[in-house]
Amino acid sequence: MPIIHIVLFEFKPTIGHEQIAEVCEAMLALPQKCLHPQSHQPYVKGYGGGRDISPEGLQGAFTHGFVSEFQSEEDRKYYLEKDPAHLDFVASLGGLVEHVRVVDFEPGKY
C-alpha cells in the first residue's frame, strides 16, 4: 500500500524570497535525484508542492508544503535514512527553517 508523505516548512523570518525559492526548487528536484539503490531508477512518486494559498487561515506560520508518495515502507525508510540526495537536502536546510512538520499516512487506514 502506498505511503503519502507530507512536509510543511516554516522558514526563519530572516530568510529572503530568493533563498526560499532555492529550497523549494531543490525539494521539487528530489524525485529525479533520489534513485533506488538496486534499480538506480527514481522511486519517489507523486511529488509536488509550493507556497501556501489557503484562505482558511489555519496554517499557522507554515508557508510551504510538499507531498510525495512511496510505494512501500522500505522505500520510505531508505529515503529518510540512507538516500544521499535526500540527506544532503536535509543538511542544506540548516539555518533556513524555523520549524518542520511531517505527516505520513496510508490512504484508507484509520
C-alpha atoms as a PDB file:
ATOM      1  CA  MET A   1       0.000   0.000   0.000  1.00  0.00           C
ATOM      2  CA  PRO A   2       1.387   3.464  -0.838  1.00  0.00           C
ATOM      3  CA  ILE A   3       2.544   5.879   1.843  1.00  0.00           C
ATOM      4  CA  ILE A   4       1.789   9.588   1.483  1.00  0.00           C
ATOM      5  CA  HIS A   5       4.493  11.831   2.978  1.00  0.00           C
ATOM      6  CA  ILE A   6       3.613  15.477   3.726  1.00  0.00           C
ATOM      7  CA  VAL A   7       6.239  18.043   4.746  1.00  0.00           C
ATOM      8  CA  LEU A   8       5.472  21.603   5.914  1.00  0.00           C
ATOM      9  CA  PHE A   9       8.109  24.335   6.282  1.00  0.00           C
ATOM     10  CA  GLU A  10       8.152  27.461   8.406  1.00  0.00           C
ATOM     11  CA  PHE A  11      11.131  29.485   7.246  1.00  0.00           C
ATOM     12  CA  LYS A  12      13.060  31.735   9.591  1.00  0.00           C
ATOM     13  CA  PRO A  13      11.887  35.359   9.329  1.00  0.00           C
ATOM     14  CA  THR A  14      15.329  36.469   8.148  1.00  0.00           C
ATOM     15  CA  ILE A  15      15.238  34.241   5.061  1.00  0.00           C
ATOM     16  CA  GLY A  16      14.524  36.063   1.813  1.00  0.00           C
ATOM     17  CA  HIS A  17      12.304  35.090  -1.082  1.00  0.00           C
ATOM     18  CA  GLU A  18      15.280  34.048  -3.242  1.00  0.00           C
ATOM     19  CA  GLN A  19      16.576  31.598  -0.617  1.00  0.00           C
ATOM     20  CA  ILE A  20      13.078  30.189  -0.128  1.00  0.00           C
ATOM     21  CA  ALA A  21      12.747  29.694  -3.885  1.00  0.00           C
ATOM     22  CA  GLU A  22      16.089  27.836  -3.936  1.00  0.00           C
ATOM     23  CA  VAL A  23      14.922  25.493  -1.158  1.00  0.00           C
ATOM     24  CA  CYS A  24      11.636  24.844  -2.978  1.00  0.00           C
ATOM     25  CA  GLU A  25      13.415  24.128  -6.268  1.00  0.00           C
ATOM     26  CA  ALA A  26      15.793  21.734  -4.509  1.00  0.00           C
ATOM     27  CA  MET A  27      12.898  19.987  -2.764  1.00  0.00           C
ATOM     28  CA  LEU A  28      10.958  19.618  -6.013  1.00  0.00           C
ATOM     29  CA  ALA A  29      14.069  18.230  -7.758  1.00  0.00           C
ATOM     30  CA  LEU A  30      14.428  15.342  -5.289  1.00  0.00           C
ATOM     31  CA  PRO A  31      12.344  12.832  -7.297  1.00  0.00           C
ATOM     32  CA  GLN A  32      14.844  12.977 -10.141  1.00  0.00           C
ATOM     33  CA  LYS A  33      17.835  12.813  -7.791  1.00  0.00           C
ATOM     34  CA  CYS A  34      16.593  10.089  -5.446  1.00  0.00           C
ATOM     35  CA  LEU A  35      17.413   6.789  -7.117  1.00  0.00           C
ATOM     36  CA  HIS A  36      16.566   3.336  -5.825  1.00  0.00           C
ATOM     37  CA  PRO A  37      19.735   1.552  -4.624  1.00  0.00           C
ATOM     38  CA  GLN A  38      19.063  -1.608  -6.669  1.00  0.00           C
ATOM     39  CA  SER A  39      17.283  -0.390  -9.813  1.00  0.00           C
ATOM     40  CA  HIS A  40      19.010   3.020  -9.968  1.00  0.00           C
ATOM     41  CA  GLN A  41      15.638   4.432 -11.071  1.00  0.00           C
ATOM     42  CA  PRO A  42      13.602   7.213  -9.417  1.00  0.00           C
ATOM     43  CA  TYR A  43      11.364   5.788  -6.696  1.00  0.00           C
ATOM     44  CA  VAL A  44       9.674   8.871  -5.189  1.00  0.00           C
ATOM     45  CA  LYS A  45       6.226   9.097  -6.766  1.00  0.00           C
ATOM     46  CA  GLY A  46       3.506  11.737  -6.981  1.00  0.00           C
ATOM     47  CA  TYR A  47       5.651  14.643  -5.915  1.00  0.00           C
ATOM     48  CA  GLY A  48       4.528  18.266  -5.718  1.00  0.00           C
ATOM     49  CA  GLY A  49       4.434  21.317  -3.531  1.00  0.00           C
ATOM     50  CA  GLY A  50       4.708  25.043  -3.186  1.00  0.00           C
ATOM     51  CA  ARG A  51       3.654  28.134  -1.261  1.00  0.00           C
ATOM     52  CA  ASP A  52       0.517  28.002   0.870  1.00  0.00           C
ATOM     53  CA  ILE A  53      -2.509  29.738  -0.644  1.00  0.00           C
ATOM     54  CA  SER A  54      -5.216  28.521   1.741  1.00  0.00           C
ATOM     55  CA  PRO A  55      -7.856  31.171   2.540  1.00  0.00           C
ATOM     56  CA  GLU A  56      -8.785  29.349   5.782  1.00  0.00           C
ATOM     57  CA  GLY A  57      -6.005  30.871   7.879  1.00  0.00           C
ATOM     58  CA  LEU A  58      -5.260  27.608   9.691  1.00  0.00           C
ATOM     59  CA  GLN A  59      -1.681  27.112   8.517  1.00  0.00           C
ATOM     60  CA  GLY A  60      -0.058  28.954  11.404  1.00  0.00           C
ATOM     61  CA  ALA A  61       3.424  30.036  10.424  1.00  0.00           C
ATOM     62  CA  PHE A  62       3.882  27.231   7.869  1.00  0.00           C
ATOM     63  CA  THR A  63       4.202  28.803   4.441  1.00  0.00           C
ATOM     64  CA  HIS A  64       5.210  25.922   2.154  1.00  0.00           C
ATOM     65  CA  GLY A  65       4.056  22.332   1.792  1.00  0.00           C
ATOM     66  CA  PHE A  66       5.209  19.310  -0.185  1.00  0.00           C
ATOM     67  CA  VAL A  67       3.630  15.930  -0.836  1.00  0.00           C
ATOM     68  CA  SER A  68       5.294  12.761  -2.040  1.00  0.00           C
ATOM     69  CA  GLU A  69       4.327   9.122  -2.319  1.00  0.00           C
ATOM     70  CA  PHE A  70       6.298   5.987  -1.638  1.00  0.00           C
ATOM     71  CA  GLN A  71       5.206   2.567  -2.850  1.00  0.00           C
ATOM     72  CA  SER A  72       6.482   0.761   0.239  1.00  0.00           C
ATOM     73  CA  GLU A  73       7.727   1.179   3.784  1.00  0.00           C
ATOM     74  CA  GLU A  74      11.158   0.074   2.559  1.00  0.00           C
ATOM     75  CA  ASP A  75      11.270   2.918   0.007  1.00  0.00           C
ATOM     76  CA  ARG A  76      10.293   5.492   2.635  1.00  0.00           C
ATOM     77  CA  LYS A  77      12.835   4.100   5.099  1.00  0.00           C
ATOM     78  CA  TYR A  78      15.603   4.301   2.501  1.00  0.00           C
ATOM     79  CA  TYR A  79      14.599   7.884   1.624  1.00  0.00           C
ATOM     80  CA  LEU A  80      14.604   9.023   5.247  1.00  0.00           C
ATOM     81  CA  GLU A  81      17.678   7.185   6.474  1.00  0.00           C
ATOM     82  CA  LYS A  82      20.057   6.490   3.585  1.00  0.00           C
ATOM     83  CA  ASP A  83      19.276   8.289   0.325  1.00  0.00           C
ATOM     84  CA  PRO A  84      22.266  10.604  -0.196  1.00  0.00           C
ATOM     85  CA  ALA A  85      20.279  13.144  -2.242  1.00  0.00           C
ATOM     86  CA  HIS A  86      17.620  13.471   0.474  1.00  0.00           C
ATOM     87  CA  LEU A  87      20.161  13.562   3.311  1.00  0.00           C
ATOM     88  CA  ASP A  88      22.158  16.285   1.513  1.00  0.00           C
ATOM     89  CA  PHE A  89      18.962  18.290   1.042  1.00  0.00           C
ATOM     90  CA  VAL A  90      18.067  17.998   4.733  1.00  0.00           C
ATOM     91  CA  ALA A  91      21.575  19.104   5.715  1.00  0.00           C
ATOM     92  CA  SER A  92      21.235  22.153   3.445  1.00  0.00           C
ATOM     93  CA  LEU A  93      18.263  23.423   5.484  1.00  0.00           C
ATOM     94  CA  GLY A  94      20.409  24.347   8.488  1.00  0.00           C
ATOM     95  CA  GLY A  95      19.836  27.984   9.412  1.00  0.00           C
ATOM     96  CA  LEU A  96      16.940  28.408   6.964  1.00  0.00           C
ATOM     97  CA  VAL A  97      13.992  26.629   8.537  1.00  0.00           C
ATOM     98  CA  GLU A  98      12.419  27.532  11.869  1.00  0.00           C
ATOM     99  CA  HIS A  99      10.086  24.521  12.089  1.00  0.00           C
ATOM    100  CA  VAL A 100       9.245  21.456  10.017  1.00  0.00           C
ATOM    101  CA  ARG A 101       6.178  19.248  10.353  1.00  0.00           C
ATOM    102  CA  VAL A 102       5.900  15.832   8.751  1.00  0.00           C
ATOM    103  CA  VAL A 103       2.772  13.692   8.458  1.00  0.00           C
ATOM    104  CA  ASP A 104       2.736  10.287   6.789  1.00  0.00           C
ATOM    105  CA  PHE A 105      -0.313   8.144   6.155  1.00  0.00           C
ATOM    106  CA  GLU A 106      -1.539   5.159   4.219  1.00  0.00           C
ATOM    107  CA  PRO A 107      -4.701   6.048   2.271  1.00  0.00           C
ATOM    108  CA  GLY A 108      -7.777   4.443   3.767  1.00  0.00           C
ATOM    109  CA  LYS A 109      -6.125   3.353   7.034  1.00  0.00           C
ATOM    110  CA  TYR A 110      -7.709   4.873  10.125  1.00  0.00           C
END
